[in-house]
C-alpha atoms as a PDB file:
ATOM      1  CA  MET A   1     121.032 -50.391   6.467  1.00  0.00           C
ATOM      2  CA  TYR A   2     120.708 -48.609   3.118  1.00  0.00           C
ATOM      3  CA  CYS A   3     124.108 -46.922   3.546  1.00  0.00           C
ATOM      4  CA  ALA A   4     125.859 -50.190   4.336  1.00  0.00           C
ATOM      5  CA  PHE A   5     124.309 -51.859   1.297  1.00  0.00           C
ATOM      6  CA  ALA A   6     125.133 -48.942  -1.011  1.00  0.00           C
ATOM      7  CA  LEU A   7     128.774 -48.828   0.039  1.00  0.00           C
ATOM      8  CA  TYR A   8     129.068 -52.604  -0.151  1.00  0.00           C
ATOM      9  CA  ALA A   9     127.699 -52.532  -3.702  1.00  0.00           C
ATOM     10  CA  THR A  10     130.414 -50.127  -4.841  1.00  0.00           C
ATOM     11  CA  TYR A  11     133.047 -52.572  -3.704  1.00  0.00           C
ATOM     12  CA  CYS A  12     131.448 -55.640  -5.232  1.00  0.00           C
ATOM     13  CA  ALA A  13     130.193 -54.311  -8.553  1.00  0.00           C
ATOM     14  CA  PRO A  14     132.698 -54.772 -11.428  1.00  0.00           C
ATOM     15  CA  ALA A  15     133.747 -51.399 -12.900  1.00  0.00           C
ATOM     16  CA  SER A  16     136.764 -49.290 -13.793  1.00  0.00           C
ATOM     17  CA  PRO A  17     138.768 -47.726 -10.932  1.00  0.00           C
ATOM     18  CA  ARG A  18     137.526 -44.243 -11.856  1.00  0.00           C
ATOM     19  CA  ARG A  19     133.929 -45.412 -11.955  1.00  0.00           C
ATOM     20  CA  VAL A  20     134.358 -47.153  -8.626  1.00  0.00           C
ATOM     21  CA  ARG A  21     135.653 -43.941  -7.048  1.00  0.00           C
ATOM     22  CA  LEU A  22     132.722 -41.977  -8.450  1.00  0.00           C
ATOM     23  CA  GLN A  23     130.271 -44.607  -7.211  1.00  0.00           C
ATOM     24  CA  ARG A  24     131.801 -44.515  -3.749  1.00  0.00           C
ATOM     25  CA  VAL A  25     131.639 -40.713  -3.604  1.00  0.00           C
ATOM     26  CA  ALA A  26     128.014 -40.765  -4.802  1.00  0.00           C
ATOM     27  CA  ALA A  27     127.102 -43.454  -2.264  1.00  0.00           C
ATOM     28  CA  ALA A  28     128.777 -41.531   0.543  1.00  0.00           C
ATOM     29  CA  LEU A  29     126.976 -38.301  -0.404  1.00  0.00           C
ATOM     30  CA  THR A  30     123.664 -40.169  -0.640  1.00  0.00           C
ATOM     31  CA  CYS A  31     124.188 -41.724   2.774  1.00  0.00           C
ATOM     32  CA  ALA A  32     125.124 -38.382   4.307  1.00  0.00           C
ATOM     33  CA  ALA A  33     122.002 -36.771   2.883  1.00  0.00           C
ATOM     34  CA  ALA A  34     119.832 -39.674   4.043  1.00  0.00           C
ATOM     35  CA  THR A  35     121.349 -39.481   7.519  1.00  0.00           C
ATOM     36  CA  LEU A  36     120.727 -35.715   7.666  1.00  0.00           C
ATOM     37  CA  VAL A  37     117.102 -36.087   6.553  1.00  0.00           C
ATOM     38  CA  ALA A  38     116.541 -38.896   9.062  1.00  0.00           C
ATOM     39  CA  GLY A  39     118.081 -36.758  11.775  1.00  0.00           C
ATOM     40  CA  VAL A  40     115.795 -33.856  10.945  1.00  0.00           C
ATOM     41  CA  ALA A  41     112.762 -36.178  10.892  1.00  0.00           C
ATOM     42  CA  LEU A  42     113.694 -37.640  14.246  1.00  0.00           C
ATOM     43  CA  ALA A  43     114.251 -34.192  15.689  1.00  0.00           C
ATOM     44  CA  ALA A  44     110.847 -33.072  14.445  1.00  0.00           C
ATOM     45  CA  SER A  45     109.053 -36.095  15.892  1.00  0.00           C
ATOM     46  CA  PRO A  46     107.647 -35.705  19.424  1.00  0.00           C
ATOM     47  CA  PRO A  47     109.346 -37.723  22.147  1.00  0.00           C
ATOM     48  CA  ALA A  48     107.660 -41.035  22.872  1.00  0.00           C
ATOM     49  CA  THR A  49     107.424 -40.339  26.593  1.00  0.00           C
ATOM     50  CA  LEU A  50     107.025 -37.281  28.784  1.00  0.00           C
ATOM     51  CA  GLU A  51     107.866 -37.407  32.483  1.00  0.00           C
ATOM     52  CA  GLY A  52     107.788 -41.195  32.291  1.00  0.00           C
ATOM     53  CA  HIS A  53     104.335 -41.371  30.665  1.00  0.00           C
ATOM     54  CA  PRO A  54     103.255 -41.808  27.031  1.00  0.00           C
ATOM     55  CA  ASN A  55     103.374 -38.466  25.258  1.00  0.00           C
ATOM     56  CA  ILE A  56      99.951 -37.602  23.848  1.00  0.00           C
ATOM     57  CA  THR A  57     100.810 -33.973  23.136  1.00  0.00           C
ATOM     58  CA  GLY A  58      99.900 -32.982  19.599  1.00  0.00           C
ATOM     59  CA  ASP A  59      97.118 -32.270  17.163  1.00  0.00           C
ATOM     60  CA  TRP A  60      94.617 -35.051  16.518  1.00  0.00           C
ATOM     61  CA  SER A  61      91.818 -35.652  14.029  1.00  0.00           C
ATOM     62  CA  ARG A  62      89.017 -38.176  14.342  1.00  0.00           C
ATOM     63  CA  TYR A  63      90.048 -41.615  13.051  1.00  0.00           C
ATOM     64  CA  GLY A  64      86.896 -43.186  11.694  1.00  0.00           C
ATOM     65  CA  GLY A  65      83.437 -41.806  12.266  1.00  0.00           C
ATOM     66  CA  PHE A  66      83.713 -38.763   9.992  1.00  0.00           C
ATOM     67  CA  ARG A  67      86.895 -39.874   8.214  1.00  0.00           C
ATOM     68  CA  PRO A  68      88.137 -43.103   6.577  1.00  0.00           C
ATOM     69  CA  VAL A  69      90.136 -45.699   8.494  1.00  0.00           C
ATOM     70  CA  ASN A  70      93.307 -47.003   6.866  1.00  0.00           C
ATOM     71  CA  ASP A  71      93.920 -49.787   9.367  1.00  0.00           C
ATOM     72  CA  PRO A  72      90.777 -51.399  10.832  1.00  0.00           C
ATOM     73  CA  ARG A  73      92.871 -52.895  13.637  1.00  0.00           C
ATOM     74  CA  LEU A  74      93.393 -49.378  15.016  1.00  0.00           C
ATOM     75  CA  ALA A  75      89.771 -48.271  14.665  1.00  0.00           C
ATOM     76  CA  ALA A  76      87.557 -47.632  17.661  1.00  0.00           C
ATOM     77  CA  PRO A  77      85.477 -50.633  18.779  1.00  0.00           C
ATOM     78  CA  PRO A  78      81.703 -50.470  18.243  1.00  0.00           C
ATOM     79  CA  PRO A  79      79.816 -48.499  20.919  1.00  0.00           C
ATOM     80  CA  GLY A  80      77.763 -50.187  23.583  1.00  0.00           C
ATOM     81  CA  GLU A  81      73.991 -49.956  23.673  1.00  0.00           C
ATOM     82  CA  LEU A  82      72.468 -46.773  25.026  1.00  0.00           C
ATOM     83  CA  GLN A  83      69.729 -47.802  27.470  1.00  0.00           C
ATOM     84  CA  LEU A  84      67.756 -44.886  28.857  1.00  0.00           C
ATOM     85  CA  LYS A  85      65.170 -45.237  31.590  1.00  0.00           C
ATOM     86  CA  PRO A  86      61.578 -45.281  30.292  1.00  0.00           C
ATOM     87  CA  ALA A  87      60.836 -41.695  31.275  1.00  0.00           C
ATOM     88  CA  TYR A  88      63.680 -40.492  29.052  1.00  0.00           C
ATOM     89  CA  ALA A  89      63.702 -43.204  26.379  1.00  0.00           C
ATOM     90  CA  SER A  90      60.361 -42.246  24.804  1.00  0.00           C
ATOM     91  CA  LYS A  91      61.213 -38.542  24.530  1.00  0.00           C
ATOM     92  CA  TYR A  92      64.654 -39.386  23.178  1.00  0.00           C
ATOM     93  CA  ALA A  93      63.250 -41.719  20.526  1.00  0.00           C
ATOM     94  CA  ALA A  94      60.658 -39.146  19.467  1.00  0.00           C
ATOM     95  CA  ARG A  95      63.289 -36.430  19.054  1.00  0.00           C
ATOM     96  CA  ARG A  96      65.637 -38.649  17.056  1.00  0.00           C
ATOM     97  CA  ALA A  97      62.768 -39.665  14.775  1.00  0.00           C
ATOM     98  CA  ALA A  98      61.851 -36.008  14.256  1.00  0.00           C
ATOM     99  CA  GLU A  99      65.476 -35.210  13.455  1.00  0.00           C
ATOM    100  CA  ARG A 100      65.680 -37.970  10.856  1.00  0.00           C
ATOM    101  CA  ALA A 101      62.470 -36.769   9.220  1.00  0.00           C
ATOM    102  CA  SER A 102      63.547 -33.128   9.190  1.00  0.00           C
ATOM    103  CA  ASP A 103      66.992 -34.015   7.812  1.00  0.00           C
ATOM    104  CA  ALA A 104      65.375 -36.030   5.011  1.00  0.00           C
ATOM    105  CA  ALA A 105      63.150 -33.047   4.225  1.00  0.00           C
ATOM    106  CA  GLY A 106      66.119 -30.710   4.035  1.00  0.00           C
ATOM    107  CA  ALA A 107      64.982 -28.642   7.029  1.00  0.00           C
ATOM    108  CA  PRO A 108      67.079 -29.862   9.997  1.00  0.00           C
ATOM    109  CA  ILE A 109      66.005 -29.068  13.531  1.00  0.00           C
ATOM    110  CA  ALA A 110      68.255 -26.524  15.194  1.00  0.00           C
ATOM    111  CA  GLY A 111      70.925 -27.730  17.600  1.00  0.00           C
ATOM    112  CA  ALA A 112      73.079 -26.007  20.216  1.00  0.00           C
ATOM    113  CA  GLY A 113      75.808 -25.226  17.687  1.00  0.00           C
ATOM    114  CA  VAL A 114      73.483 -23.001  15.680  1.00  0.00           C
ATOM    115  CA  ASP A 115      73.103 -20.821  18.775  1.00  0.00           C
ATOM    116  CA  CYS A 116      76.910 -20.650  19.068  1.00  0.00           C
ATOM    117  CA  LEU A 117      76.858 -22.781  22.213  1.00  0.00           C
ATOM    118  CA  PRO A 118      79.826 -25.104  22.821  1.00  0.00           C
ATOM    119  CA  TYR A 119      79.259 -28.843  22.651  1.00  0.00           C
ATOM    120  CA  GLY A 120      80.670 -29.405  26.143  1.00  0.00           C
ATOM    121  CA  MET A 121      81.504 -32.790  27.630  1.00  0.00           C
ATOM    122  CA  PRO A 122      81.652 -35.429  26.412  1.00  0.00           C
ATOM    123  CA  GLU A 123      80.534 -34.452  22.899  1.00  0.00           C
ATOM    124  CA  MET A 124      83.460 -32.085  22.301  1.00  0.00           C
ATOM    125  CA  MET A 125      85.656 -35.204  22.282  1.00  0.00           C
ATOM    126  CA  SER A 126      83.904 -36.414  19.117  1.00  0.00           C
ATOM    127  CA  ALA A 127      86.369 -34.132  17.294  1.00  0.00           C
ATOM    128  CA  ILE A 128      84.177 -32.843  14.491  1.00  0.00           C
ATOM    129  CA  TYR A 129      87.166 -30.561  13.916  1.00  0.00           C
ATOM    130  CA  PRO A 130      90.698 -31.332  15.193  1.00  0.00           C
ATOM    131  CA  LEU A 131      91.710 -31.505  18.839  1.00  0.00           C
ATOM    132  CA  GLU A 132      94.928 -30.246  20.371  1.00  0.00           C
ATOM    133  CA  ILE A 133      96.264 -31.975  23.489  1.00  0.00           C
ATOM    134  CA  LEU A 134      98.890 -30.273  25.642  1.00  0.00           C
ATOM    135  CA  GLN A 135     100.530 -32.499  28.241  1.00  0.00           C
ATOM    136  CA  THR A 136     102.273 -30.406  30.889  1.00  0.00           C
ATOM    137  CA  PRO A 137     103.354 -31.072  34.494  1.00  0.00           C
ATOM    138  CA  GLY A 138     100.256 -31.470  36.628  1.00  0.00           C
ATOM    139  CA  GLN A 139      97.757 -30.867  33.833  1.00  0.00           C
ATOM    140  CA  VAL A 140      96.521 -32.062  30.461  1.00  0.00           C
ATOM    141  CA  THR A 141      94.743 -29.398  28.425  1.00  0.00           C
ATOM    142  CA  ILE A 142      92.447 -30.312  25.534  1.00  0.00           C
ATOM    143  CA  ILE A 143      91.461 -27.677  22.982  1.00  0.00           C
ATOM    144  CA  ALA A 144      88.807 -28.347  20.352  1.00  0.00           C
ATOM    145  CA  GLU A 145      89.036 -26.309  17.182  1.00  0.00           C
ATOM    146  CA  ALA A 146      85.231 -26.219  16.997  1.00  0.00           C
ATOM    147  CA  PHE A 147      84.099 -23.170  19.012  1.00  0.00           C
ATOM    148  CA  SER A 148      87.650 -22.942  20.481  1.00  0.00           C
ATOM    149  CA  GLN A 149      86.519 -25.110  23.399  1.00  0.00           C
ATOM    150  CA  VAL A 150      88.997 -25.702  26.236  1.00  0.00           C
ATOM    151  CA  ARG A 151      88.926 -28.256  29.026  1.00  0.00           C
ATOM    152  CA  ARG A 152      91.528 -28.852  31.715  1.00  0.00           C
ATOM    153  CA  ILE A 153      92.368 -32.169  33.352  1.00  0.00           C
ATOM    154  CA  TYR A 154      94.116 -31.731  36.686  1.00  0.00           C
ATOM    155  CA  LEU A 155      96.490 -34.608  37.363  1.00  0.00           C
ATOM    156  CA  ASP A 156      96.803 -36.362  40.707  1.00  0.00           C
ATOM    157  CA  SER A 157      94.268 -34.005  42.284  1.00  0.00           C
ATOM    158  CA  PRO A 158      91.288 -35.023  44.426  1.00  0.00           C
ATOM    159  CA  GLN A 159      87.873 -34.939  42.812  1.00  0.00           C
ATOM    160  CA  GLY A 160      85.168 -32.918  44.511  1.00  0.00           C
ATOM    161  CA  LYS A 161      81.684 -34.080  45.375  1.00  0.00           C
ATOM    162  CA  ILE A 162      79.077 -33.727  42.670  1.00  0.00           C
ATOM    163  CA  GLY A 163      77.003 -31.299  44.714  1.00  0.00           C
ATOM    164  CA  ASP A 164      80.049 -29.108  45.427  1.00  0.00           C
ATOM    165  CA  VAL A 165      81.191 -28.633  41.815  1.00  0.00           C
ATOM    166  CA  ALA A 166      79.835 -25.592  40.001  1.00  0.00           C
ATOM    167  CA  PRO A 167      78.031 -26.915  36.889  1.00  0.00           C
ATOM    168  CA  GLY A 168      79.400 -25.946  33.487  1.00  0.00           C
ATOM    169  CA  TYR A 169      79.869 -27.082  29.913  1.00  0.00           C
ATOM    170  CA  TYR A 170      82.981 -29.157  30.582  1.00  0.00           C
ATOM    171  CA  GLY A 171      82.611 -30.064  34.231  1.00  0.00           C
ATOM    172  CA  HIS A 172      85.519 -30.643  36.580  1.00  0.00           C
ATOM    173  CA  SER A 173      88.080 -33.203  35.374  1.00  0.00           C
ATOM    174  CA  VAL A 174      90.825 -34.893  37.366  1.00  0.00           C
ATOM    175  CA  GLY A 175      93.124 -37.612  36.084  1.00  0.00           C
ATOM    176  CA  HIS A 176      95.932 -39.997  36.895  1.00  0.00           C
ATOM    177  CA  TRP A 177      98.108 -42.453  35.020  1.00  0.00           C
ATOM    178  CA  GLU A 178      97.575 -46.190  35.371  1.00  0.00           C
ATOM    179  CA  GLY A 179     100.577 -47.579  33.549  1.00  0.00           C
ATOM    180  CA  ASP A 180     100.317 -46.304  29.960  1.00  0.00           C
ATOM    181  CA  THR A 181      96.652 -45.241  30.311  1.00  0.00           C
ATOM    182  CA  LEU A 182      95.452 -41.802  31.384  1.00  0.00           C
ATOM    183  CA  VAL A 183      92.285 -42.246  33.458  1.00  0.00           C
ATOM    184  CA  VAL A 184      90.068 -39.158  33.788  1.00  0.00           C
ATOM    185  CA  ASP A 185      87.011 -38.577  35.974  1.00  0.00           C
ATOM    186  CA  THR A 186      84.622 -35.727  35.087  1.00  0.00           C
ATOM    187  CA  ILE A 187      81.624 -34.461  37.033  1.00  0.00           C
ATOM    188  CA  GLY A 188      79.656 -31.228  37.111  1.00  0.00           C
ATOM    189  CA  VAL A 189      78.384 -31.060  33.513  1.00  0.00           C
ATOM    190  CA  LYS A 190      75.117 -29.132  33.582  1.00  0.00           C
ATOM    191  CA  PRO A 191      72.029 -31.002  32.297  1.00  0.00           C
ATOM    192  CA  GLU A 192      71.417 -28.447  29.532  1.00  0.00           C
ATOM    193  CA  VAL A 193      74.536 -29.781  27.789  1.00  0.00           C
ATOM    194  CA  LEU A 194      73.380 -32.826  25.824  1.00  0.00           C
ATOM    195  CA  GLY A 195      75.721 -35.803  25.810  1.00  0.00           C
ATOM    196  CA  HIS A 196      77.019 -37.878  22.919  1.00  0.00           C
ATOM    197  CA  ASP A 197      74.299 -38.540  20.336  1.00  0.00           C
ATOM    198  CA  GLU A 198      72.226 -35.984  22.271  1.00  0.00           C
ATOM    199  CA  MET A 199      71.937 -38.266  25.282  1.00  0.00           C
ATOM    200  CA  PRO A 200      69.932 -36.597  28.076  1.00  0.00           C
ATOM    201  CA  HIS A 201      71.522 -36.589  31.506  1.00  0.00           C
ATOM    202  CA  SER A 202      71.097 -35.215  34.984  1.00  0.00           C
ATOM    203  CA  ASP A 203      73.443 -33.324  37.275  1.00  0.00           C
ATOM    204  CA  GLN A 204      74.445 -36.733  38.675  1.00  0.00           C
ATOM    205  CA  MET A 205      76.259 -37.754  35.475  1.00  0.00           C
ATOM    206  CA  ARG A 206      79.813 -39.013  35.828  1.00  0.00           C
ATOM    207  CA  VAL A 207      82.132 -39.496  32.827  1.00  0.00           C
ATOM    208  CA  GLU A 208      85.178 -41.748  32.931  1.00  0.00           C
ATOM    209  CA  GLU A 209      87.758 -41.580  30.139  1.00  0.00           C
ATOM    210  CA  ARG A 210      90.663 -43.907  29.426  1.00  0.00           C
ATOM    211  CA  PHE A 211      93.194 -42.421  26.996  1.00  0.00           C
ATOM    212  CA  HIS A 212      95.533 -45.012  25.485  1.00  0.00           C
ATOM    213  CA  LEU A 213      97.907 -44.979  22.510  1.00  0.00           C
ATOM    214  CA  VAL A 214      97.131 -48.074  20.439  1.00  0.00           C
ATOM    215  CA  SER A 215      99.995 -47.085  18.113  1.00  0.00           C
ATOM    216  CA  PRO A 216     102.416 -44.129  18.076  1.00  0.00           C
ATOM    217  CA  GLU A 217     100.021 -42.316  15.736  1.00  0.00           C
ATOM    218  CA  VAL A 218      96.578 -43.436  16.945  1.00  0.00           C
ATOM    219  CA  LEU A 219      95.002 -42.525  20.290  1.00  0.00           C
ATOM    220  CA  HIS A 220      91.829 -44.011  21.774  1.00  0.00           C
ATOM    221  CA  ASP A 221      89.560 -42.292  24.282  1.00  0.00           C
ATOM    222  CA  GLN A 222      87.251 -44.889  25.843  1.00  0.00           C
ATOM    223  CA  ILE A 223      84.361 -43.064  27.483  1.00  0.00           C
ATOM    224  CA  THR A 224      81.957 -44.543  30.021  1.00  0.00           C
ATOM    225  CA  VAL A 225      78.961 -42.458  31.069  1.00  0.00           C
ATOM    226  CA  GLU A 226      77.144 -43.206  34.310  1.00  0.00           C
ATOM    227  CA  ASP A 227      73.919 -41.490  35.366  1.00  0.00           C
ATOM    228  CA  PRO A 228      71.638 -43.102  37.972  1.00  0.00           C
ATOM    229  CA  VAL A 229      68.806 -40.777  36.967  1.00  0.00           C
ATOM    230  CA  THR A 230      68.636 -41.255  33.179  1.00  0.00           C
ATOM    231  CA  LEU A 231      70.518 -44.482  32.385  1.00  0.00           C
ATOM    232  CA  GLU A 232      69.551 -48.084  33.027  1.00  0.00           C
ATOM    233  CA  LYS A 233      73.247 -49.008  32.931  1.00  0.00           C
ATOM    234  CA  PRO A 234      76.555 -47.271  32.112  1.00  0.00           C
ATOM    235  CA  TRP A 235      77.098 -46.488  28.432  1.00  0.00           C
ATOM    236  CA  THR A 236      80.550 -47.020  26.893  1.00  0.00           C
ATOM    237  CA  PHE A 237      81.792 -45.768  23.535  1.00  0.00           C
ATOM    238  CA  THR A 238      85.226 -44.945  22.123  1.00  0.00           C
ATOM    239  CA  PHE A 239      86.631 -42.173  19.954  1.00  0.00           C
ATOM    240  CA  ALA A 240      89.801 -42.849  17.968  1.00  0.00           C
ATOM    241  CA  TYR A 241      92.139 -40.076  16.812  1.00  0.00           C
ATOM    242  CA  LYS A 242      95.063 -39.963  14.388  1.00  0.00           C
ATOM    243  CA  ARG A 243      98.042 -37.730  15.027  1.00  0.00           C
ATOM    244  CA  MET A 244      98.293 -34.776  12.625  1.00  0.00           C
ATOM    245  CA  GLN A 245     101.811 -33.751  11.647  1.00  0.00           C
ATOM    246  CA  ASN A 246     102.653 -30.084  11.100  1.00  0.00           C
ATOM    247  CA  TYR A 247      99.077 -28.913  11.694  1.00  0.00           C
ATOM    248  CA  GLU A 248      98.280 -25.524  13.200  1.00  0.00           C
ATOM    249  CA  MET A 249      94.948 -25.094  14.971  1.00  0.00           C
ATOM    250  CA  LEU A 250      92.667 -22.547  13.335  1.00  0.00           C
ATOM    251  CA  GLU A 251      90.500 -19.930  14.974  1.00  0.00           C
ATOM    252  CA  TYR A 252      86.838 -20.847  15.141  1.00  0.00           C
ATOM    253  CA  VAL A 253      84.688 -17.870  16.082  1.00  0.00           C
ATOM    254  CA  CYS A 254      80.956 -18.372  15.968  1.00  0.00           C
ATOM    255  CA  GLU A 255      80.320 -14.936  14.477  1.00  0.00           C
ATOM    256  CA  ASN A 256      81.443 -16.571  11.234  1.00  0.00           C
ATOM    257  CA  ASN A 257      78.577 -19.040  11.519  1.00  0.00           C
ATOM    258  CA  HIS A 258      76.268 -18.970   8.496  1.00  0.00           C
ATOM    259  CA  GLU A 259      73.538 -21.028  10.124  1.00  0.00           C
ATOM    260  CA  TYR A 260      70.437 -19.473  11.632  1.00  0.00           C
ATOM    261  CA  VAL A 261      67.105 -20.604  13.047  1.00  0.00           C
ATOM    262  CA  ASP A 262      63.752 -19.395  11.775  1.00  0.00           C
ATOM    263  CA  ASP A 263      60.626 -18.824  13.903  1.00  0.00           C
ATOM    264  CA  LYS A 264      59.654 -22.489  13.451  1.00  0.00           C
ATOM    265  CA  GLY A 265      62.915 -23.799  14.881  1.00  0.00           C
ATOM    266  CA  VAL A 266      64.295 -24.913  11.502  1.00  0.00           C
ATOM    267  CA  THR A 267      67.969 -24.460  10.647  1.00  0.00           C
ATOM    268  CA  HIS A 268      68.944 -22.579   7.487  1.00  0.00           C
ATOM    269  CA  VAL A 269      72.279 -21.581   5.967  1.00  0.00           C
ATOM    270  CA  ARG A 270      73.087 -18.123   4.648  1.00  0.00           C
ATOM    271  CA  LEU A 271      74.852 -18.453   1.305  1.00  0.00           C
ATOM    272  CA  GLN A 272      76.664 -15.170   1.862  1.00  0.00           C
ATOM    273  CA  ASP A 273      76.653 -12.260   4.238  1.00  0.00           C
ATOM    274  CA  PRO A 274      74.525  -9.275   3.171  1.00  0.00           C
ATOM    275  CA  PRO A 275      76.528  -6.359   1.739  1.00  0.00           C
ATOM    276  CA  SER A 276      77.557  -3.762   4.270  1.00  0.00           C
ATOM    277  CA  GLN A 277      75.739  -0.462   4.190  1.00  0.00           C
ATOM    278  CA  PRO A 278      77.720   2.669   3.310  1.00  0.00           C
END
């Protein structure tokens, strides 16, 4: 459109023949450069689809939550209400109150990350640091920069029974496409791995995810947690991510962690490593 207008202007604008020729040459060179840049940009952009499905391959950062939202229409919807059963609700409320008090006092209670333990599912999807998604035939792999966590989603594969899946930090995930939405079912997350917002759960927990591009650059992961042991009803919340262009995932090794826990269970931060001994 710009090229057509630029060339048209050289024909319509009153000027000397020499000036017209110079204008036309300049317009042609400008258009050629613009076309080349556009071609490079298009070549660098990921394809919109992959094997007939939306292409979600790329690096993603949290959109909202920890970072500002430029377009509220693309933000994640508000989370549903977490309703724990009475036996778990009182302990949960007491811990959250203790955490708020300790944070206000500047002596936060230690969490799993201080002990170099991965966040596991579904909390790793909160994307405190960027996520990388690799969409390949038969599998979607998600890598979290924090703690270099890796989970694998096996596509079009049968899910096992909860009692038959070896418990772990990320569980066993299988997925399939429903139109333009990737639906993922995860079981087998061990109870020691606290859920989102430190939600307690049992070995009966089941996590459903629905990945959907709400725009070419914004991805939503709607998560529904079911647990007949700890929850009064399923809990649904959504994480939104924005595509990161030209980002390279960094190594996150927990030996670089400057946090430590004292004998009272309080988290502290080392300002610098002690000097090495000769």
